[in-house]
Amino acid sequence: MIEIGENEVTLSCFNPSSFPAGVIIGHISKQEGDTLYVGVKYRILIGAFLGDDMTSEFRLPVEGQVNQIVLKGGNEERIVWNREDMGK
């Protein structure tokens, strides 16, 4: 879930357990103009949380209006939210 506030963006990630389970252990964010880039760091846990569901939430401070949120990992980028697509 993505919530856009006046001074912050909140990202909530649902991490269903599977084998192996990936657990989010940190993040980094950088705003360039109206685009917010977010990198997520995770660790693979083999069997440690089988049967448990975990949710991670990040509150990211922003300056000005955010029109696009980009999730980055390695050499890949994916637009996960775009104001134009949301009709706002």
Protein backbone atom coordinates (compact mmCIF):
# COMPACT_ATOMS: atom_id res chain seq x y z
CA MET A 1 0.00 0.00 0.00
CA ILE A 2 1.22 3.50 -0.81
CA GLU A 3 -0.04 6.60 0.99
CA ILE A 4 0.99 10.04 -0.21
CA GLY A 5 0.97 12.75 2.45
CA GLU A 6 1.97 16.39 2.37
CA ASN A 7 5.42 15.84 3.90
CA GLU A 8 5.86 12.07 3.78
CA VAL A 9 5.18 8.94 1.77
CA THR A 10 4.25 5.73 3.58
CA LEU A 11 5.01 2.40 1.92
CA SER A 12 3.60 -0.80 3.41
CA CYS A 13 4.89 -4.12 2.11
CA PHE A 14 3.30 -7.48 2.84
CA ASN A 15 5.89 -10.24 3.07
CA PRO A 16 4.12 -13.60 2.88
CA SER A 17 6.29 -16.42 4.10
CA SER A 18 7.46 -18.99 1.62
CA PHE A 19 10.50 -21.18 1.26
CA PRO A 20 12.88 -19.44 1.51
CA ALA A 21 11.38 -16.37 3.21
CA GLY A 22 12.66 -12.91 2.24
CA VAL A 23 12.61 -10.46 5.13
CA ILE A 24 13.00 -6.71 4.59
CA ILE A 25 15.76 -5.42 6.86
CA GLY A 26 16.24 -1.85 5.66
CA HIS A 27 15.69 0.79 3.01
CA ILE A 28 17.14 3.93 1.48
CA SER A 29 15.33 6.72 -0.32
CA LYS A 30 16.30 9.70 -2.44
CA GLN A 31 14.08 12.39 -3.92
CA GLU A 32 15.03 13.95 -7.24
CA GLY A 33 12.54 16.67 -8.17
CA ASP A 34 9.07 15.11 -8.09
CA THR A 35 10.37 11.51 -8.22
CA LEU A 36 11.06 9.43 -5.09
CA TYR A 37 13.50 6.55 -5.52
CA VAL A 38 13.32 3.76 -2.94
CA GLY A 39 15.76 0.89 -2.48
CA VAL A 40 14.86 -2.02 -0.22
CA LYS A 41 17.39 -4.33 1.43
CA TYR A 42 16.28 -7.81 2.37
CA ARG A 43 17.71 -11.04 3.72
CA ILE A 44 16.76 -14.59 2.83
CA LEU A 45 15.80 -16.71 5.84
CA ILE A 46 15.38 -20.39 5.14
CA GLY A 47 12.48 -21.78 7.12
CA ALA A 48 12.79 -19.32 10.02
CA PHE A 49 9.34 -17.76 9.67
CA LEU A 50 7.34 -20.40 7.84
CA GLY A 51 3.67 -19.90 8.58
CA ASP A 52 4.13 -16.31 9.80
CA ASP A 53 3.15 -13.24 7.80
CA MET A 54 5.07 -10.00 8.22
CA THR A 55 4.39 -6.45 7.13
CA SER A 56 7.05 -3.77 6.75
CA GLU A 57 6.19 -0.08 6.80
CA PHE A 58 8.43 2.81 5.81
CA ARG A 59 7.66 6.50 6.39
CA LEU A 60 9.78 8.52 3.98
CA PRO A 61 10.08 12.32 4.33
CA VAL A 62 9.55 14.27 1.09
CA GLU A 63 9.78 17.90 0.02
CA GLY A 64 7.09 19.18 -2.31
CA GLN A 65 4.74 17.11 -4.42
CA VAL A 66 5.74 13.58 -5.39
CA ASN A 67 4.45 12.52 -8.81
CA GLN A 68 6.24 9.21 -9.16
CA ILE A 69 7.72 6.51 -6.91
CA VAL A 70 10.40 4.22 -8.31
CA LEU A 71 11.51 1.00 -6.62
CA LYS A 72 15.17 0.21 -7.29
CA GLY A 73 17.05 -3.04 -6.88
CA GLY A 74 20.40 -3.89 -8.38
CA ASN A 75 20.41 -2.53 -11.93
CA GLU A 76 16.62 -2.57 -12.25
CA GLU A 77 13.99 0.11 -11.67
CA ARG A 78 10.21 -0.23 -11.57
CA ILE A 79 7.65 2.56 -11.30
CA VAL A 80 5.31 1.47 -8.50
CA TRP A 81 3.19 4.63 -8.29
CA ASN A 82 2.46 7.45 -10.74
CA ARG A 83 0.16 10.39 -9.92
CA GLU A 84 -1.17 10.55 -13.49
CA ASP A 85 -2.24 6.90 -13.34
CA MET A 86 -4.03 7.56 -10.02
CA GLY A 87 -6.04 10.47 -11.42
CA LYS A 88 -4.85 12.87 -8.70
